[in-house]
Amino acid sequence: MATAKIAITLEKGILQRLDLLVKSHVFPNRSKAIQEAVKEKLGKLEHNRLEIECSKLNQKFEQALADEGLSMEIDEWPEY
């Protein structure tokens, strides 16, 4: 995967904690640690967004659609 160099600013305390993880061989270097943290955070944000959108659905309406689909005869189902 292609990568790009960026410059970031971190609080000293966060950087010290990050460096301890690198020193303890939890991560091979700062870049990998930060990549993993950002990747994890983005995943959580995307999951939360999906959860929020799903909460907007009308459960009774969605259940009625599901029940309607199940009640159709198999020979009425469209071929794909």
PDB file of N, CA and C in Angstrom:
ATOM      1  N   MET A   1       0.843  -1.172   0.000  1.00  0.00           N
ATOM      2  CA  MET A   1       0.000   0.000   0.000  1.00  0.00           C
ATOM      3  C   MET A   1       0.891   1.238   0.000  1.00  0.00           C
ATOM      4  N   ALA A   2       0.534   2.217  -0.762  1.00  0.00           N
ATOM      5  CA  ALA A   2       1.307   3.449  -0.843  1.00  0.00           C
ATOM      6  C   ALA A   2       1.178   4.225   0.467  1.00  0.00           C
ATOM      7  N   THR A   3       2.240   4.871   0.844  1.00  0.00           N
ATOM      8  CA  THR A   3       2.221   5.674   2.065  1.00  0.00           C
ATOM      9  C   THR A   3       2.624   7.102   1.736  1.00  0.00           C
ATOM     10  N   ALA A   4       2.331   8.006   2.651  1.00  0.00           N
ATOM     11  CA  ALA A   4       2.698   9.410   2.497  1.00  0.00           C
ATOM     12  C   ALA A   4       3.246   9.911   3.821  1.00  0.00           C
ATOM     13  N   LYS A   5       4.247  10.733   3.752  1.00  0.00           N
ATOM     14  CA  LYS A   5       4.809  11.331   4.967  1.00  0.00           C
ATOM     15  C   LYS A   5       3.993  12.550   5.350  1.00  0.00           C
ATOM     16  N   ILE A   6       3.743  12.660   6.656  1.00  0.00           N
ATOM     17  CA  ILE A   6       3.046  13.826   7.182  1.00  0.00           C
ATOM     18  C   ILE A   6       3.764  14.277   8.451  1.00  0.00           C
ATOM     19  N   ALA A   7       3.496  15.462   8.881  1.00  0.00           N
ATOM     20  CA  ALA A   7       4.021  15.960  10.151  1.00  0.00           C
ATOM     21  C   ALA A   7       2.851  16.108  11.109  1.00  0.00           C
ATOM     22  N   ILE A   8       3.032  15.637  12.336  1.00  0.00           N
ATOM     23  CA  ILE A   8       1.973  15.780  13.333  1.00  0.00           C
ATOM     24  C   ILE A   8       2.559  16.376  14.606  1.00  0.00           C
ATOM     25  N   THR A   9       1.697  16.901  15.427  1.00  0.00           N
ATOM     26  CA  THR A   9       2.084  17.451  16.714  1.00  0.00           C
ATOM     27  C   THR A   9       1.371  16.652  17.797  1.00  0.00           C
ATOM     28  N   LEU A  10       2.146  16.174  18.766  1.00  0.00           N
ATOM     29  CA  LEU A  10       1.584  15.408  19.876  1.00  0.00           C
ATOM     30  C   LEU A  10       1.960  16.060  21.195  1.00  0.00           C
ATOM     31  N   GLU A  11       1.091  15.905  22.169  1.00  0.00           N
ATOM     32  CA  GLU A  11       1.424  16.353  23.520  1.00  0.00           C
ATOM     33  C   GLU A  11       2.618  15.529  24.006  1.00  0.00           C
ATOM     34  N   LYS A  12       3.464  16.133  24.829  1.00  0.00           N
ATOM     35  CA  LYS A  12       4.675  15.444  25.299  1.00  0.00           C
ATOM     36  C   LYS A  12       4.345  14.139  26.023  1.00  0.00           C
ATOM     37  N   GLY A  13       3.306  14.158  26.834  1.00  0.00           N
ATOM     38  CA  GLY A  13       2.924  12.953  27.577  1.00  0.00           C
ATOM     39  C   GLY A  13       2.520  11.817  26.656  1.00  0.00           C
ATOM     40  N   ILE A  14       1.797  12.140  25.603  1.00  0.00           N
ATOM     41  CA  ILE A  14       1.383  11.122  24.640  1.00  0.00           C
ATOM     42  C   ILE A  14       2.601  10.562  23.920  1.00  0.00           C
ATOM     43  N   LEU A  15       3.514  11.443  23.551  1.00  0.00           N
ATOM     44  CA  LEU A  15       4.726  10.997  22.864  1.00  0.00           C
ATOM     45  C   LEU A  15       5.566  10.098  23.768  1.00  0.00           C
ATOM     46  N   GLN A  16       5.650  10.432  25.040  1.00  0.00           N
ATOM     47  CA  GLN A  16       6.403   9.589  25.973  1.00  0.00           C
ATOM     48  C   GLN A  16       5.774   8.203  26.080  1.00  0.00           C
ATOM     49  N   ARG A  17       4.458   8.154  26.167  1.00  0.00           N
ATOM     50  CA  ARG A  17       3.759   6.854  26.229  1.00  0.00           C
ATOM     51  C   ARG A  17       3.972   6.069  24.947  1.00  0.00           C
ATOM     52  N   LEU A  18       3.929   6.764  23.822  1.00  0.00           N
ATOM     53  CA  LEU A  18       4.157   6.135  22.519  1.00  0.00           C
ATOM     54  C   LEU A  18       5.571   5.547  22.450  1.00  0.00           C
ATOM     55  N   ASP A  19       6.534   6.345  22.899  1.00  0.00           N
ATOM     56  CA  ASP A  19       7.918   5.884  22.871  1.00  0.00           C
ATOM     57  C   ASP A  19       8.140   4.676  23.783  1.00  0.00           C
ATOM     58  N   LEU A  20       7.420   4.618  24.902  1.00  0.00           N
ATOM     59  CA  LEU A  20       7.518   3.439  25.779  1.00  0.00           C
ATOM     60  C   LEU A  20       7.020   2.186  25.067  1.00  0.00           C
ATOM     61  N   LEU A  21       5.959   2.326  24.292  1.00  0.00           N
ATOM     62  CA  LEU A  21       5.439   1.182  23.537  1.00  0.00           C
ATOM     63  C   LEU A  21       6.434   0.722  22.479  1.00  0.00           C
ATOM     64  N   VAL A  22       7.093   1.670  21.841  1.00  0.00           N
ATOM     65  CA  VAL A  22       8.106   1.325  20.839  1.00  0.00           C
ATOM     66  C   VAL A  22       9.298   0.666  21.525  1.00  0.00           C
ATOM     67  N   LYS A  23       9.722   1.236  22.656  1.00  0.00           N
ATOM     68  CA  LYS A  23      10.861   0.685  23.390  1.00  0.00           C
ATOM     69  C   LYS A  23      10.560  -0.728  23.889  1.00  0.00           C
ATOM     70  N   SER A  24       9.297  -0.983  24.238  1.00  0.00           N
ATOM     71  CA  SER A  24       8.869  -2.303  24.724  1.00  0.00           C
ATOM     72  C   SER A  24       8.584  -3.273  23.588  1.00  0.00           C
ATOM     73  N   HIS A  25       8.816  -2.851  22.362  1.00  0.00           N
ATOM     74  CA  HIS A  25       8.617  -3.664  21.154  1.00  0.00           C
ATOM     75  C   HIS A  25       7.146  -4.035  20.909  1.00  0.00           C
ATOM     76  N   VAL A  26       6.239  -3.203  21.436  1.00  0.00           N
ATOM     77  CA  VAL A  26       4.823  -3.383  21.109  1.00  0.00           C
ATOM     78  C   VAL A  26       4.610  -2.963  19.659  1.00  0.00           C
ATOM     79  N   PHE A  27       5.326  -1.913  19.259  1.00  0.00           N
ATOM     80  CA  PHE A  27       5.326  -1.441  17.874  1.00  0.00           C
ATOM     81  C   PHE A  27       6.774  -1.307  17.422  1.00  0.00           C
ATOM     82  N   PRO A  28       7.031  -1.523  16.134  1.00  0.00           N
ATOM     83  CA  PRO A  28       8.409  -1.419  15.666  1.00  0.00           C
ATOM     84  C   PRO A  28       8.934   0.019  15.635  1.00  0.00           C
ATOM     85  N   ASN A  29       8.020   0.985  15.487  1.00  0.00           N
ATOM     86  CA  ASN A  29       8.434   2.385  15.425  1.00  0.00           C
ATOM     87  C   ASN A  29       7.222   3.289  15.654  1.00  0.00           C
ATOM     88  N   ARG A  30       7.469   4.566  15.770  1.00  0.00           N
ATOM     89  CA  ARG A  30       6.393   5.534  15.995  1.00  0.00           C
ATOM     90  C   ARG A  30       5.378   5.528  14.864  1.00  0.00           C
ATOM     91  N   SER A  31       5.875   5.489  13.646  1.00  0.00           N
ATOM     92  CA  SER A  31       4.973   5.543  12.490  1.00  0.00           C
ATOM     93  C   SER A  31       3.961   4.403  12.514  1.00  0.00           C
ATOM     94  N   LYS A  32       4.444   3.193  12.785  1.00  0.00           N
ATOM     95  CA  LYS A  32       3.541   2.036  12.797  1.00  0.00           C
ATOM     96  C   LYS A  32       2.514   2.177  13.920  1.00  0.00           C
ATOM     97  N   ALA A  33       2.948   2.662  15.073  1.00  0.00           N
ATOM     98  CA  ALA A  33       2.038   2.851  16.200  1.00  0.00           C
ATOM     99  C   ALA A  33       0.939   3.854  15.849  1.00  0.00           C
ATOM    100  N   ILE A  34       1.331   4.954  15.238  1.00  0.00           N
ATOM    101  CA  ILE A  34       0.362   5.987  14.882  1.00  0.00           C
ATOM    102  C   ILE A  34      -0.560   5.495  13.769  1.00  0.00           C
ATOM    103  N   GLN A  35      -0.016   4.762  12.801  1.00  0.00           N
ATOM    104  CA  GLN A  35      -0.854   4.193  11.733  1.00  0.00           C
ATOM    105  C   GLN A  35      -1.929   3.293  12.324  1.00  0.00           C
ATOM    106  N   GLU A  36      -1.530   2.413  13.256  1.00  0.00           N
ATOM    107  CA  GLU A  36      -2.486   1.493  13.872  1.00  0.00           C
ATOM    108  C   GLU A  36      -3.549   2.240  14.670  1.00  0.00           C
ATOM    109  N   ALA A  37      -3.136   3.285  15.380  1.00  0.00           N
ATOM    110  CA  ALA A  37      -4.085   4.063  16.182  1.00  0.00           C
ATOM    111  C   ALA A  37      -5.106   4.767  15.298  1.00  0.00           C
ATOM    112  N   VAL A  38      -4.631   5.366  14.221  1.00  0.00           N
ATOM    113  CA  VAL A  38      -5.534   6.079  13.313  1.00  0.00           C
ATOM    114  C   VAL A  38      -6.464   5.090  12.622  1.00  0.00           C
ATOM    115  N   LYS A  39      -5.933   3.965  12.195  1.00  0.00           N
ATOM    116  CA  LYS A  39      -6.751   2.937  11.531  1.00  0.00           C
ATOM    117  C   LYS A  39      -7.861   2.445  12.469  1.00  0.00           C
ATOM    118  N   GLU A  40      -7.499   2.185  13.727  1.00  0.00           N
ATOM    119  CA  GLU A  40      -8.478   1.721  14.704  1.00  0.00           C
ATOM    120  C   GLU A  40      -9.551   2.781  14.961  1.00  0.00           C
ATOM    121  N   LYS A  41      -9.134   4.029  15.100  1.00  0.00           N
ATOM    122  CA  LYS A  41     -10.090   5.113  15.352  1.00  0.00           C
ATOM    123  C   LYS A  41     -11.040   5.298  14.175  1.00  0.00           C
ATOM    124  N   LEU A  42     -10.515   5.245  12.963  1.00  0.00           N
ATOM    125  CA  LEU A  42     -11.371   5.377  11.778  1.00  0.00           C
ATOM    126  C   LEU A  42     -12.381   4.238  11.714  1.00  0.00           C
ATOM    127  N   GLY A  43     -11.943   3.032  12.041  1.00  0.00           N
ATOM    128  CA  GLY A  43     -12.853   1.890  12.050  1.00  0.00           C
ATOM    129  C   GLY A  43     -13.983   2.080  13.043  1.00  0.00           C
ATOM    130  N   LYS A  44     -13.653   2.583  14.221  1.00  0.00           N
ATOM    131  CA  LYS A  44     -14.686   2.830  15.237  1.00  0.00           C
ATOM    132  C   LYS A  44     -15.662   3.900  14.788  1.00  0.00           C
ATOM    133  N   LEU A  45     -15.141   4.954  14.189  1.00  0.00           N
ATOM    134  CA  LEU A  45     -16.019   6.025  13.707  1.00  0.00           C
ATOM    135  C   LEU A  45     -16.964   5.518  12.618  1.00  0.00           C
ATOM    136  N   GLU A  46     -16.445   4.706  11.705  1.00  0.00           N
ATOM    137  CA  GLU A  46     -17.275   4.158  10.637  1.00  0.00           C
ATOM    138  C   GLU A  46     -18.330   3.222  11.210  1.00  0.00           C
ATOM    139  N   HIS A  47     -17.957   2.423  12.190  1.00  0.00           N
ATOM    140  CA  HIS A  47     -18.910   1.512  12.823  1.00  0.00           C
ATOM    141  C   HIS A  47     -20.009   2.305  13.527  1.00  0.00           C
ATOM    142  N   ASN A  48     -19.616   3.355  14.232  1.00  0.00           N
ATOM    143  CA  ASN A  48     -20.598   4.188  14.925  1.00  0.00           C
ATOM    144  C   ASN A  48     -21.547   4.856  13.943  1.00  0.00           C
ATOM    145  N   ARG A  49     -21.019   5.282  12.802  1.00  0.00           N
ATOM    146  CA  ARG A  49     -21.871   5.918  11.792  1.00  0.00           C
ATOM    147  C   ARG A  49     -22.918   4.934  11.288  1.00  0.00           C
ATOM    148  N   LEU A  50     -22.518   3.692  11.049  1.00  0.00           N
ATOM    149  CA  LEU A  50     -23.454   2.662  10.607  1.00  0.00           C
ATOM    150  C   LEU A  50     -24.497   2.400  11.684  1.00  0.00           C
ATOM    151  N   GLU A  51     -24.051   2.345  12.927  1.00  0.00           N
ATOM    152  CA  GLU A  51     -24.977   2.126  14.034  1.00  0.00           C
ATOM    153  C   GLU A  51     -26.000   3.257  14.125  1.00  0.00           C
ATOM    154  N   ILE A  52     -25.556   4.482  13.935  1.00  0.00           N
ATOM    155  CA  ILE A  52     -26.456   5.636  13.980  1.00  0.00           C
ATOM    156  C   ILE A  52     -27.470   5.569  12.846  1.00  0.00           C
ATOM    157  N   GLU A  53     -27.006   5.238  11.650  1.00  0.00           N
ATOM    158  CA  GLU A  53     -27.924   5.145  10.500  1.00  0.00           C
ATOM    159  C   GLU A  53     -28.933   4.024  10.708  1.00  0.00           C
ATOM    160  N   CYS A  54     -28.481   2.905  11.254  1.00  0.00           N
ATOM    161  CA  CYS A  54     -29.397   1.784  11.497  1.00  0.00           C
ATOM    162  C   CYS A  54     -30.438   2.146  12.550  1.00  0.00           C
ATOM    163  N   SER A  55     -30.060   2.965  13.519  1.00  0.00           N
ATOM    164  CA  SER A  55     -31.007   3.353  14.565  1.00  0.00           C
ATOM    165  C   SER A  55     -32.124   4.239  14.015  1.00  0.00           C
ATOM    166  N   LYS A  56     -31.914   4.823  12.854  1.00  0.00           N
ATOM    167  CA  LYS A  56     -32.924   5.674  12.234  1.00  0.00           C
ATOM    168  C   LYS A  56     -34.017   4.860  11.539  1.00  0.00           C
ATOM    169  N   LEU A  57     -33.751   3.577  11.328  1.00  0.00           N
ATOM    170  CA  LEU A  57     -34.728   2.742  10.635  1.00  0.00           C
ATOM    171  C   LEU A  57     -35.948   2.501  11.515  1.00  0.00           C
ATOM    172  N   ASN A  58     -37.091   2.376  10.884  1.00  0.00           N
ATOM    173  CA  ASN A  58     -38.326   2.052  11.582  1.00  0.00           C
ATOM    174  C   ASN A  58     -38.391   0.533  11.713  1.00  0.00           C
ATOM    175  N   GLN A  59     -38.248   0.028  12.938  1.00  0.00           N
ATOM    176  CA  GLN A  59     -38.163  -1.414  13.149  1.00  0.00           C
ATOM    177  C   GLN A  59     -39.415  -2.152  12.676  1.00  0.00           C
ATOM    178  N   LYS A  60     -40.574  -1.593  12.934  1.00  0.00           N
ATOM    179  CA  LYS A  60     -41.817  -2.264  12.523  1.00  0.00           C
ATOM    180  C   LYS A  60     -41.909  -2.351  11.005  1.00  0.00           C
ATOM    181  N   PHE A  61     -41.543  -1.263  10.329  1.00  0.00           N
ATOM    182  CA  PHE A  61     -41.587  -1.249   8.865  1.00  0.00           C
ATOM    183  C   PHE A  61     -40.575  -2.245   8.296  1.00  0.00           C
ATOM    184  N   GLU A  62     -39.362  -2.261   8.831  1.00  0.00           N
ATOM    185  CA  GLU A  62     -38.332  -3.178   8.341  1.00  0.00           C
ATOM    186  C   GLU A  62     -38.742  -4.622   8.583  1.00  0.00           C
ATOM    187  N   GLN A  63     -39.355  -4.902   9.727  1.00  0.00           N
ATOM    188  CA  GLN A  63     -39.804  -6.265  10.020  1.00  0.00           C
ATOM    189  C   GLN A  63     -40.917  -6.674   9.060  1.00  0.00           C
ATOM    190  N   ALA A  64     -41.828  -5.736   8.764  1.00  0.00           N
ATOM    191  CA  ALA A  64     -42.913  -6.029   7.823  1.00  0.00           C
ATOM    192  C   ALA A  64     -42.350  -6.358   6.441  1.00  0.00           C
ATOM    193  N   LEU A  65     -41.332  -5.614   6.004  1.00  0.00           N
ATOM    194  CA  LEU A  65     -40.695  -5.906   4.722  1.00  0.00           C
ATOM    195  C   LEU A  65     -40.060  -7.289   4.726  1.00  0.00           C
ATOM    196  N   ALA A  66     -39.385  -7.619   5.812  1.00  0.00           N
ATOM    197  CA  ALA A  66     -38.742  -8.931   5.908  1.00  0.00           C
ATOM    198  C   ALA A  66     -39.782 -10.037   5.904  1.00  0.00           C
ATOM    199  N   ASP A  67     -40.844  -9.845   6.663  1.00  0.00           N
ATOM    200  CA  ASP A  67     -41.906 -10.862   6.714  1.00  0.00           C
ATOM    201  C   ASP A  67     -42.576 -11.028   5.362  1.00  0.00           C
ATOM    202  N   GLU A  68     -42.777  -9.924   4.655  1.00  0.00           N
ATOM    203  CA  GLU A  68     -43.397  -9.976   3.324  1.00  0.00           C
ATOM    204  C   GLU A  68     -42.523 -10.772   2.363  1.00  0.00           C
ATOM    205  N   GLY A  69     -41.231 -10.525   2.432  1.00  0.00           N
ATOM    206  CA  GLY A  69     -40.312 -11.247   1.557  1.00  0.00           C
ATOM    207  C   GLY A  69     -40.299 -12.729   1.849  1.00  0.00           C
ATOM    208  N   LEU A  70     -40.412 -13.098   3.099  1.00  0.00           N
ATOM    209  CA  LEU A  70     -40.405 -14.506   3.468  1.00  0.00           C
ATOM    210  C   LEU A  70     -41.710 -15.200   3.118  1.00  0.00           C
ATOM    211  N   SER A  71     -42.787 -14.432   3.037  1.00  0.00           N
ATOM    212  CA  SER A  71     -44.078 -15.048   2.771  1.00  0.00           C
ATOM    213  C   SER A  71     -44.304 -15.340   1.290  1.00  0.00           C
ATOM    214  N   MET A  72     -43.443 -14.796   0.426  1.00  0.00           N
ATOM    215  CA  MET A  72     -43.588 -15.053  -1.008  1.00  0.00           C
ATOM    216  C   MET A  72     -43.280 -16.518  -1.305  1.00  0.00           C
ATOM    217  N   GLU A  73     -43.974 -17.052  -2.254  1.00  0.00           N
ATOM    218  CA  GLU A  73     -43.673 -18.416  -2.697  1.00  0.00           C
ATOM    219  C   GLU A  73     -42.341 -18.413  -3.429  1.00  0.00           C
ATOM    220  N   ILE A  74     -41.601 -19.477  -3.312  1.00  0.00           N
ATOM    221  CA  ILE A  74     -40.284 -19.565  -3.933  1.00  0.00           C
ATOM    222  C   ILE A  74     -40.383 -19.380  -5.447  1.00  0.00           C
ATOM    223  N   ASP A  75     -41.422 -19.897  -6.084  1.00  0.00           N
ATOM    224  CA  ASP A  75     -41.517 -19.759  -7.524  1.00  0.00           C
ATOM    225  C   ASP A  75     -41.841 -18.332  -7.939  1.00  0.00           C
ATOM    226  N   GLU A  76     -42.205 -17.464  -6.982  1.00  0.00           N
ATOM    227  CA  GLU A  76     -42.446 -16.065  -7.302  1.00  0.00           C
ATOM    228  C   GLU A  76     -41.162 -15.240  -7.164  1.00  0.00           C
ATOM    229  N   TRP A  77     -40.138 -15.808  -6.586  1.00  0.00           N
ATOM    230  CA  TRP A  77     -38.896 -15.058  -6.402  1.00  0.00           C
ATOM    231  C   TRP A  77     -38.249 -14.817  -7.746  1.00  0.00           C
ATOM    232  N   PRO A  78     -37.694 -13.637  -7.962  1.00  0.00           N
ATOM    233  CA  PRO A  78     -37.037 -13.353  -9.245  1.00  0.00           C
ATOM    234  C   PRO A  78     -35.772 -14.181  -9.400  1.00  0.00           C
ATOM    235  N   GLU A  79     -35.473 -14.541 -10.641  1.00  0.00           N
ATOM    236  CA  GLU A  79     -34.235 -15.270 -10.915  1.00  0.00           C
ATOM    237  C   GLU A  79     -33.115 -14.276 -11.121  1.00  0.00           C
ATOM    238  N   TYR A  80     -31.942 -14.653 -10.656  1.00  0.00           N
ATOM    239  CA  TYR A  80     -30.779 -13.780 -10.818  1.00  0.00           C
ATOM    240  C   TYR A  80     -29.767 -14.451 -11.679  1.00  0.00           C
TER     241      TYR A  80
END
